[in-house]
Amino acid sequence: MNEALTLLSFGEQGWGDTIALGVVVTVTLALATLPFGLVLGFLIALAKNSSEPSLKLAANIYTTIFRGLPELLTLFLVYFGVQIGIQQALKFIGVEVYVEVNSFVAGMVALSLVFSSYASEAFLSAFRGIPQGQYEGGYALGLSRSRTMLLIVMPQLIRLALPALGNLWLILLKETSLVSVVGLSDLVREAGIAARVTKEPFLFFGIACLVYLVLAMISSTGLSRIERWSKRGEAAR
């Protein structure tokens, strides 16, 4: 017990600082990915809900690809593919240079692509749950399409999509662990390094499990409060 506490302590003798840094990187990556994934997912849902066939086709192809590919493979394609693409572009103009993509940025892009493909389905289901009369009522009041979307449709859209988006956030939080394979010092990578050095894999991977569970519980509590807040108007009626 004392040995375990020493290994988990902060300072030169313990790995507490390293594990804490890994937690910060994991949470930061998830929070940085979330807004990009939400915005992209919303735009894809708009395209799917559009009457323009070419937009629908492009959006369907996008979601089919990134929902069909394993997340780890998507990460590899972004991390290595972007490097190769940039190097080939520079080589074409006569510049020979080695380019290395930042693992945090690569992880954020890859996770955003995957998250947005699933989030678009949540937004699309929410769009279909809003009666057409809501749009017509906005137009009857003299509101433009954009203001109708912002003032009438969006509040209802967020409320309807929130449960599904909350589940996707929890999935995103766990999928950040994939980025450890491209060298990002997240929680899983730091726990793995500590396990190899100390020969205590059960201790450090067990701590990583507990941290993910705590993050999931905190997220669930926060999402429940947001969901209650979004339904406050219904409760009042």
Protein backbone atom coordinates (compact mmCIF):
# COMPACT_ATOMS: atom_id res chain seq x y z
CA MET A 1 0.00 0.00 0.00
CA ASN A 2 2.78 2.41 0.94
CA GLU A 3 4.65 1.56 -2.24
CA ALA A 4 1.55 2.29 -4.34
CA LEU A 5 1.03 5.63 -2.62
CA THR A 6 4.68 6.48 -3.27
CA LEU A 7 4.34 5.64 -6.97
CA LEU A 8 1.21 7.79 -7.26
CA SER A 9 2.63 10.73 -5.30
CA PHE A 10 3.63 14.05 -6.81
CA GLY A 11 7.29 14.91 -7.08
CA GLU A 12 10.45 13.14 -8.18
CA GLN A 13 9.61 9.79 -6.58
CA GLY A 14 6.07 9.48 -7.91
CA TRP A 15 4.17 9.56 -11.17
CA GLY A 16 1.33 11.76 -9.98
CA ASP A 17 2.52 14.78 -11.98
CA THR A 18 2.75 12.73 -15.17
CA ILE A 19 -0.67 11.15 -14.76
CA ALA A 20 -2.22 14.55 -13.96
CA LEU A 21 -0.68 16.00 -17.13
CA GLY A 22 -2.13 13.11 -19.12
CA VAL A 23 -5.59 13.85 -17.67
CA VAL A 24 -5.27 17.52 -18.67
CA VAL A 25 -4.27 16.57 -22.23
CA THR A 26 -7.16 14.09 -22.51
CA VAL A 27 -9.78 16.58 -21.32
CA THR A 28 -8.30 19.40 -23.41
CA LEU A 29 -8.38 17.26 -26.55
CA ALA A 30 -12.01 16.30 -25.97
CA LEU A 31 -13.06 19.89 -25.27
CA ALA A 32 -11.13 21.19 -28.30
CA THR A 33 -12.74 18.58 -30.57
CA LEU A 34 -16.31 19.13 -29.37
CA PRO A 35 -17.11 22.56 -30.94
CA PHE A 36 -15.62 21.62 -34.32
CA GLY A 37 -17.52 18.34 -34.35
CA LEU A 38 -20.79 20.02 -33.37
CA VAL A 39 -20.54 22.79 -35.99
CA LEU A 40 -19.51 20.38 -38.74
CA GLY A 41 -22.22 17.92 -37.73
CA PHE A 42 -24.85 20.67 -37.80
CA LEU A 43 -23.77 21.77 -41.28
CA ILE A 44 -23.88 18.19 -42.53
CA ALA A 45 -27.37 17.80 -41.07
CA LEU A 46 -28.45 20.97 -42.89
CA ALA A 47 -27.09 19.51 -46.11
CA LYS A 48 -28.95 16.24 -45.53
CA ASN A 49 -32.13 18.17 -44.77
CA SER A 50 -31.70 20.31 -47.89
CA SER A 51 -33.80 19.98 -51.02
CA GLU A 52 -30.62 20.15 -53.14
CA PRO A 53 -29.75 16.58 -54.31
CA SER A 54 -26.01 17.26 -54.67
CA LEU A 55 -25.75 18.49 -51.05
CA LYS A 56 -27.66 15.46 -49.80
CA LEU A 57 -25.42 13.12 -51.77
CA ALA A 58 -22.22 14.75 -50.53
CA ALA A 59 -23.41 14.68 -46.92
CA ASN A 60 -24.47 11.03 -47.18
CA ILE A 61 -21.11 10.05 -48.67
CA TYR A 62 -19.31 11.89 -45.86
CA THR A 63 -21.26 10.18 -43.07
CA THR A 64 -21.02 6.77 -44.75
CA ILE A 65 -17.23 7.04 -44.92
CA PHE A 66 -16.52 8.27 -41.41
CA ARG A 67 -19.18 6.12 -39.71
CA GLY A 68 -17.89 3.09 -41.61
CA LEU A 69 -14.17 3.50 -40.99
CA PRO A 70 -12.67 2.45 -37.64
CA GLU A 71 -11.71 5.51 -35.59
CA LEU A 72 -8.10 4.36 -35.32
CA LEU A 73 -7.81 4.02 -39.09
CA THR A 74 -9.25 7.51 -39.54
CA LEU A 75 -6.61 8.82 -37.13
CA PHE A 76 -3.82 7.12 -39.09
CA LEU A 77 -5.16 8.49 -42.39
CA VAL A 78 -5.20 12.02 -41.01
CA TYR A 79 -1.88 11.83 -39.17
CA PHE A 80 0.16 10.15 -41.91
CA GLY A 81 -1.89 11.22 -44.92
CA VAL A 82 -1.64 14.95 -44.19
CA GLN A 83 2.12 14.65 -43.72
CA ILE A 84 2.52 12.86 -47.04
CA GLY A 85 0.18 15.29 -48.78
CA ILE A 86 2.08 18.36 -47.56
CA GLN A 87 5.43 16.81 -48.43
CA GLN A 88 4.26 15.91 -51.94
CA ALA A 89 2.86 19.42 -52.46
CA LEU A 90 6.16 20.97 -51.36
CA LYS A 91 8.11 18.53 -53.49
CA PHE A 92 6.00 19.56 -56.50
CA ILE A 93 7.20 23.16 -56.12
CA GLY A 94 10.78 22.05 -55.60
CA VAL A 95 11.03 22.13 -51.80
CA GLU A 96 12.47 19.03 -50.14
CA VAL A 97 11.59 19.11 -46.46
CA TYR A 98 10.31 16.68 -43.83
CA VAL A 99 6.95 17.67 -42.38
CA GLU A 100 5.56 16.24 -39.15
CA VAL A 101 1.96 16.91 -38.19
CA ASN A 102 1.27 17.77 -34.57
CA SER A 103 -0.31 14.73 -32.91
CA PHE A 104 -2.77 16.89 -30.93
CA VAL A 105 -4.02 18.62 -34.09
CA ALA A 106 -4.20 15.33 -35.99
CA GLY A 107 -6.18 13.77 -33.16
CA MET A 108 -8.53 16.73 -32.99
CA VAL A 109 -9.18 16.64 -36.76
CA ALA A 110 -9.71 12.87 -36.87
CA LEU A 111 -12.01 12.82 -33.85
CA SER A 112 -13.94 15.83 -35.22
CA LEU A 113 -14.56 14.00 -38.49
CA VAL A 114 -15.89 10.93 -36.70
CA PHE A 115 -17.87 12.90 -34.10
CA SER A 116 -19.49 15.12 -36.74
CA SER A 117 -20.63 12.14 -38.81
CA TYR A 118 -22.58 10.78 -35.84
CA ALA A 119 -23.68 14.20 -34.57
CA SER A 120 -25.20 14.95 -37.97
CA GLU A 121 -27.60 12.04 -37.50
CA ALA A 122 -28.60 13.37 -34.08
CA PHE A 123 -29.26 16.82 -35.56
CA LEU A 124 -31.10 15.33 -38.53
CA SER A 125 -33.42 13.36 -36.25
CA ALA A 126 -34.05 16.53 -34.28
CA PHE A 127 -34.84 18.44 -37.48
CA ARG A 128 -37.39 15.80 -38.41
CA GLY A 129 -38.95 16.06 -34.97
CA ILE A 130 -39.81 19.74 -35.44
CA PRO A 131 -43.21 20.24 -37.13
CA GLN A 132 -43.26 22.15 -40.41
CA GLY A 133 -45.74 24.53 -38.82
CA GLN A 134 -42.93 25.95 -36.66
CA TYR A 135 -41.17 27.17 -39.79
CA GLU A 136 -44.38 28.46 -41.33
CA GLY A 137 -45.25 30.31 -38.12
CA GLY A 138 -41.90 32.11 -38.23
CA TYR A 139 -42.38 33.10 -41.86
CA ALA A 140 -45.92 34.30 -41.07
CA LEU A 141 -44.45 36.60 -38.41
CA GLY A 142 -42.22 38.15 -41.06
CA LEU A 143 -39.01 36.47 -39.93
CA SER A 144 -36.39 35.58 -42.50
CA ARG A 145 -35.23 31.98 -42.95
CA SER A 146 -32.10 32.63 -40.92
CA ARG A 147 -33.93 34.33 -38.05
CA THR A 148 -36.59 31.61 -38.04
CA MET A 149 -33.81 29.06 -37.73
CA LEU A 150 -32.06 31.01 -34.97
CA LEU A 151 -35.05 32.08 -32.86
CA ILE A 152 -37.59 29.30 -33.36
CA VAL A 153 -35.94 26.15 -34.68
CA MET A 154 -32.55 26.15 -32.92
CA PRO A 155 -33.86 26.12 -29.31
CA GLN A 156 -36.07 23.14 -30.10
CA LEU A 157 -33.32 21.47 -32.12
CA ILE A 158 -30.85 21.62 -29.25
CA ARG A 159 -33.40 20.23 -26.79
CA LEU A 160 -34.29 17.31 -29.07
CA ALA A 161 -30.70 16.48 -30.02
CA LEU A 162 -29.20 16.90 -26.54
CA PRO A 163 -29.63 13.30 -25.26
CA ALA A 164 -27.92 11.83 -28.32
CA LEU A 165 -25.20 14.48 -28.30
CA GLY A 166 -24.57 13.77 -24.62
CA ASN A 167 -23.93 10.11 -25.42
CA LEU A 168 -21.60 11.13 -28.25
CA TRP A 169 -19.64 13.35 -25.85
CA LEU A 170 -19.05 10.39 -23.52
CA ILE A 171 -17.89 8.31 -26.49
CA LEU A 172 -15.60 11.13 -27.61
CA LEU A 173 -14.07 11.35 -24.14
CA LYS A 174 -13.11 7.67 -24.31
CA GLU A 175 -11.93 7.79 -27.92
CA THR A 176 -9.27 10.37 -27.04
CA SER A 177 -7.27 7.38 -25.79
CA LEU A 178 -6.67 6.38 -29.43
CA VAL A 179 -4.40 9.38 -29.94
CA SER A 180 -1.80 7.80 -27.65
CA VAL A 181 -0.71 5.62 -30.62
CA VAL A 182 0.59 8.68 -32.50
CA GLY A 183 2.63 9.95 -29.58
CA LEU A 184 0.28 12.32 -27.76
CA SER A 185 0.95 12.31 -24.03
CA ASP A 186 -2.59 11.63 -22.94
CA LEU A 187 -3.76 9.65 -19.92
CA VAL A 188 -3.41 6.22 -21.54
CA ARG A 189 0.08 6.90 -22.90
CA GLU A 190 1.37 8.29 -19.59
CA ALA A 191 -0.17 5.39 -17.67
CA GLY A 192 1.47 2.96 -20.11
CA ILE A 193 4.88 4.58 -19.68
CA ALA A 194 4.56 4.49 -15.89
CA ALA A 195 3.43 0.83 -16.03
CA ARG A 196 6.43 -0.20 -18.13
CA VAL A 197 8.97 1.67 -16.02
CA THR A 198 7.66 0.57 -12.63
CA LYS A 199 6.48 -2.91 -13.70
CA GLU A 200 3.10 -2.09 -12.09
CA PRO A 201 0.61 -2.27 -15.00
CA PHE A 202 -2.42 -3.12 -12.87
CA LEU A 203 -1.88 -0.09 -10.65
CA PHE A 204 -1.49 2.52 -13.36
CA PHE A 205 -4.02 1.15 -15.82
CA GLY A 206 -6.41 0.76 -12.90
CA ILE A 207 -5.88 4.44 -12.05
CA ALA A 208 -6.54 5.32 -15.70
CA CYS A 209 -9.82 3.37 -15.55
CA LEU A 210 -10.87 5.22 -12.40
CA VAL A 211 -10.05 8.60 -13.97
CA TYR A 212 -12.17 7.82 -17.04
CA LEU A 213 -15.03 6.70 -14.81
CA VAL A 214 -14.81 9.91 -12.77
CA LEU A 215 -14.77 12.02 -15.95
CA ALA A 216 -17.80 10.09 -17.24
CA MET A 217 -19.70 10.63 -13.98
CA ILE A 218 -18.90 14.35 -13.96
CA SER A 219 -19.99 14.62 -17.59
CA SER A 220 -23.21 12.71 -16.93
CA THR A 221 -24.05 15.01 -14.04
CA GLY A 222 -23.38 18.08 -16.15
CA LEU A 223 -25.39 16.75 -19.09
CA SER A 224 -28.35 15.94 -16.82
CA ARG A 225 -28.37 19.51 -15.52
CA ILE A 226 -28.15 20.93 -19.05
CA GLU A 227 -31.01 18.69 -20.15
CA ARG A 228 -33.18 19.84 -17.22
CA TRP A 229 -32.33 23.45 -18.04
CA SER A 230 -33.31 22.96 -21.69
CA LYS A 231 -36.70 21.59 -20.62
CA ARG A 232 -37.49 24.34 -18.11
CA GLY A 233 -40.06 25.85 -20.50
CA GLU A 234 -41.95 22.56 -20.72
CA ALA A 235 -42.06 22.24 -16.95
CA ALA A 236 -43.46 25.77 -16.65
CA ARG A 237 -46.31 24.88 -19.02
